[in-house]
Amino acid sequence: MTATGVFTHLRDTKGMEDMKGKKVTLSSGEAAEMLGVSRETVSRLARQGLLPATRLGGSRARYRFRPADVLELASASGQR
């Protein structure tokens, strides 16, 4: 995905508005789509500390990501 495509994706993603002062985050699937990789790769990047994430409770490893962190990784990996 190009940098322009990433910004378009962020603008067009439903449910990301911060209407009640809550932090806006992306799911693993949304982050994967922005980076052009699989959800498994995004989870691995989070486990390795290469993509900052918040881990949700429960038996499954579920993460949430800040859009700025995903954009920074996309930029650093040369996705333009």
C-alpha atoms as a PDB file:
ATOM      1  CA  MET A   1       0.000   0.000   0.000  1.00  0.00           C
ATOM      2  CA  THR A   2       1.373   3.413  -0.851  1.00  0.00           C
ATOM      3  CA  ALA A   3       1.685   6.165   1.744  1.00  0.00           C
ATOM      4  CA  THR A   4      -1.242   7.917   0.084  1.00  0.00           C
ATOM      5  CA  GLY A   5      -3.193   4.666   0.226  1.00  0.00           C
ATOM      6  CA  VAL A   6      -2.431   4.297   3.931  1.00  0.00           C
ATOM      7  CA  PHE A   7      -3.756   7.796   4.659  1.00  0.00           C
ATOM      8  CA  THR A   8      -6.826   7.146   2.527  1.00  0.00           C
ATOM      9  CA  HIS A   9      -7.399   3.905   4.421  1.00  0.00           C
ATOM     10  CA  LEU A  10      -7.163   5.732   7.741  1.00  0.00           C
ATOM     11  CA  ARG A  11      -9.615   8.375   6.589  1.00  0.00           C
ATOM     12  CA  ASP A  12     -12.063   5.812   5.242  1.00  0.00           C
ATOM     13  CA  THR A  13     -11.909   3.306   8.115  1.00  0.00           C
ATOM     14  CA  LYS A  14     -15.230   3.219   9.940  1.00  0.00           C
ATOM     15  CA  GLY A  15     -15.346   3.240  13.709  1.00  0.00           C
ATOM     16  CA  MET A  16     -12.055   5.063  14.201  1.00  0.00           C
ATOM     17  CA  GLU A  17     -13.525   8.373  15.304  1.00  0.00           C
ATOM     18  CA  ASP A  18     -12.653   9.437  18.823  1.00  0.00           C
ATOM     19  CA  MET A  19     -16.048  10.790  19.847  1.00  0.00           C
ATOM     20  CA  LYS A  20     -15.906  10.008  23.590  1.00  0.00           C
ATOM     21  CA  GLY A  21     -12.255  10.640  24.427  1.00  0.00           C
ATOM     22  CA  LYS A  22     -11.319   7.009  23.934  1.00  0.00           C
ATOM     23  CA  LYS A  23      -8.067   6.025  22.280  1.00  0.00           C
ATOM     24  CA  VAL A  24      -8.385   5.178  18.632  1.00  0.00           C
ATOM     25  CA  THR A  25      -6.811   1.845  17.752  1.00  0.00           C
ATOM     26  CA  LEU A  26      -6.585  -0.614  14.901  1.00  0.00           C
ATOM     27  CA  SER A  27      -7.158  -4.348  14.993  1.00  0.00           C
ATOM     28  CA  SER A  28      -4.500  -6.781  13.776  1.00  0.00           C
ATOM     29  CA  GLY A  29      -6.447  -7.205  10.552  1.00  0.00           C
ATOM     30  CA  GLU A  30      -6.637  -3.459   9.910  1.00  0.00           C
ATOM     31  CA  ALA A  31      -2.930  -3.011  10.652  1.00  0.00           C
ATOM     32  CA  ALA A  32      -2.103  -5.969   8.396  1.00  0.00           C
ATOM     33  CA  GLU A  33      -4.117  -4.484   5.542  1.00  0.00           C
ATOM     34  CA  MET A  34      -2.334  -1.158   5.890  1.00  0.00           C
ATOM     35  CA  LEU A  35       1.076  -2.840   5.884  1.00  0.00           C
ATOM     36  CA  GLY A  36       0.241  -5.336   3.141  1.00  0.00           C
ATOM     37  CA  VAL A  37       1.049  -8.339   5.328  1.00  0.00           C
ATOM     38  CA  SER A  38      -0.897 -11.078   7.119  1.00  0.00           C
ATOM     39  CA  ARG A  39      -2.422 -10.773  10.590  1.00  0.00           C
ATOM     40  CA  GLU A  40       0.045 -13.393  11.759  1.00  0.00           C
ATOM     41  CA  THR A  41       2.947 -11.187  10.626  1.00  0.00           C
ATOM     42  CA  VAL A  42       1.495  -8.205  12.492  1.00  0.00           C
ATOM     43  CA  SER A  43       1.139 -10.311  15.656  1.00  0.00           C
ATOM     44  CA  ARG A  44       4.719 -11.535  15.276  1.00  0.00           C
ATOM     45  CA  LEU A  45       5.962  -7.947  14.867  1.00  0.00           C
ATOM     46  CA  ALA A  46       4.105  -7.029  18.059  1.00  0.00           C
ATOM     47  CA  ARG A  47       5.546  -9.990  19.999  1.00  0.00           C
ATOM     48  CA  GLN A  48       9.050  -9.073  18.809  1.00  0.00           C
ATOM     49  CA  GLY A  49       8.571  -5.457  19.886  1.00  0.00           C
ATOM     50  CA  LEU A  50       8.942  -4.121  16.348  1.00  0.00           C
ATOM     51  CA  LEU A  51       5.398  -2.749  16.277  1.00  0.00           C
ATOM     52  CA  PRO A  52       4.136  -1.206  19.535  1.00  0.00           C
ATOM     53  CA  ALA A  53       0.862  -2.784  20.601  1.00  0.00           C
ATOM     54  CA  THR A  54      -1.559  -3.188  23.452  1.00  0.00           C
ATOM     55  CA  ARG A  55      -2.336  -6.802  24.229  1.00  0.00           C
ATOM     56  CA  LEU A  56      -5.912  -7.581  25.107  1.00  0.00           C
ATOM     57  CA  GLY A  57      -6.783 -10.086  27.804  1.00  0.00           C
ATOM     58  CA  GLY A  58      -8.091 -13.553  27.127  1.00  0.00           C
ATOM     59  CA  SER A  59      -6.705 -16.845  25.942  1.00  0.00           C
ATOM     60  CA  ARG A  60      -5.920 -15.638  22.434  1.00  0.00           C
ATOM     61  CA  ALA A  61      -3.122 -13.211  21.676  1.00  0.00           C
ATOM     62  CA  ARG A  62      -5.107 -10.207  20.461  1.00  0.00           C
ATOM     63  CA  TYR A  63      -3.523  -6.832  19.904  1.00  0.00           C
ATOM     64  CA  ARG A  64      -4.566  -3.266  19.190  1.00  0.00           C
ATOM     65  CA  PHE A  65      -2.342  -0.765  17.416  1.00  0.00           C
ATOM     66  CA  ARG A  66      -2.126   3.018  17.227  1.00  0.00           C
ATOM     67  CA  PRO A  67      -2.448   4.240  13.627  1.00  0.00           C
ATOM     68  CA  ALA A  68       0.652   6.440  14.077  1.00  0.00           C
ATOM     69  CA  ASP A  69       2.755   3.383  14.984  1.00  0.00           C
ATOM     70  CA  VAL A  70       1.532   1.458  11.949  1.00  0.00           C
ATOM     71  CA  LEU A  71       2.267   4.451   9.695  1.00  0.00           C
ATOM     72  CA  GLU A  72       5.745   4.796  11.185  1.00  0.00           C
ATOM     73  CA  LEU A  73       6.524   1.141  10.512  1.00  0.00           C
ATOM     74  CA  ALA A  74       5.177   1.435   6.975  1.00  0.00           C
ATOM     75  CA  SER A  75       7.362   4.482   6.390  1.00  0.00           C
ATOM     76  CA  ALA A  76      10.443   2.851   7.922  1.00  0.00           C
ATOM     77  CA  SER A  77      10.005  -0.272   5.811  1.00  0.00           C
ATOM     78  CA  GLY A  78       9.917   1.803   2.645  1.00  0.00           C
ATOM     79  CA  GLN A  79       6.246   1.425   1.761  1.00  0.00           C
ATOM     80  CA  ARG A  80       5.441   4.535  -0.248  1.00  0.00           C
END
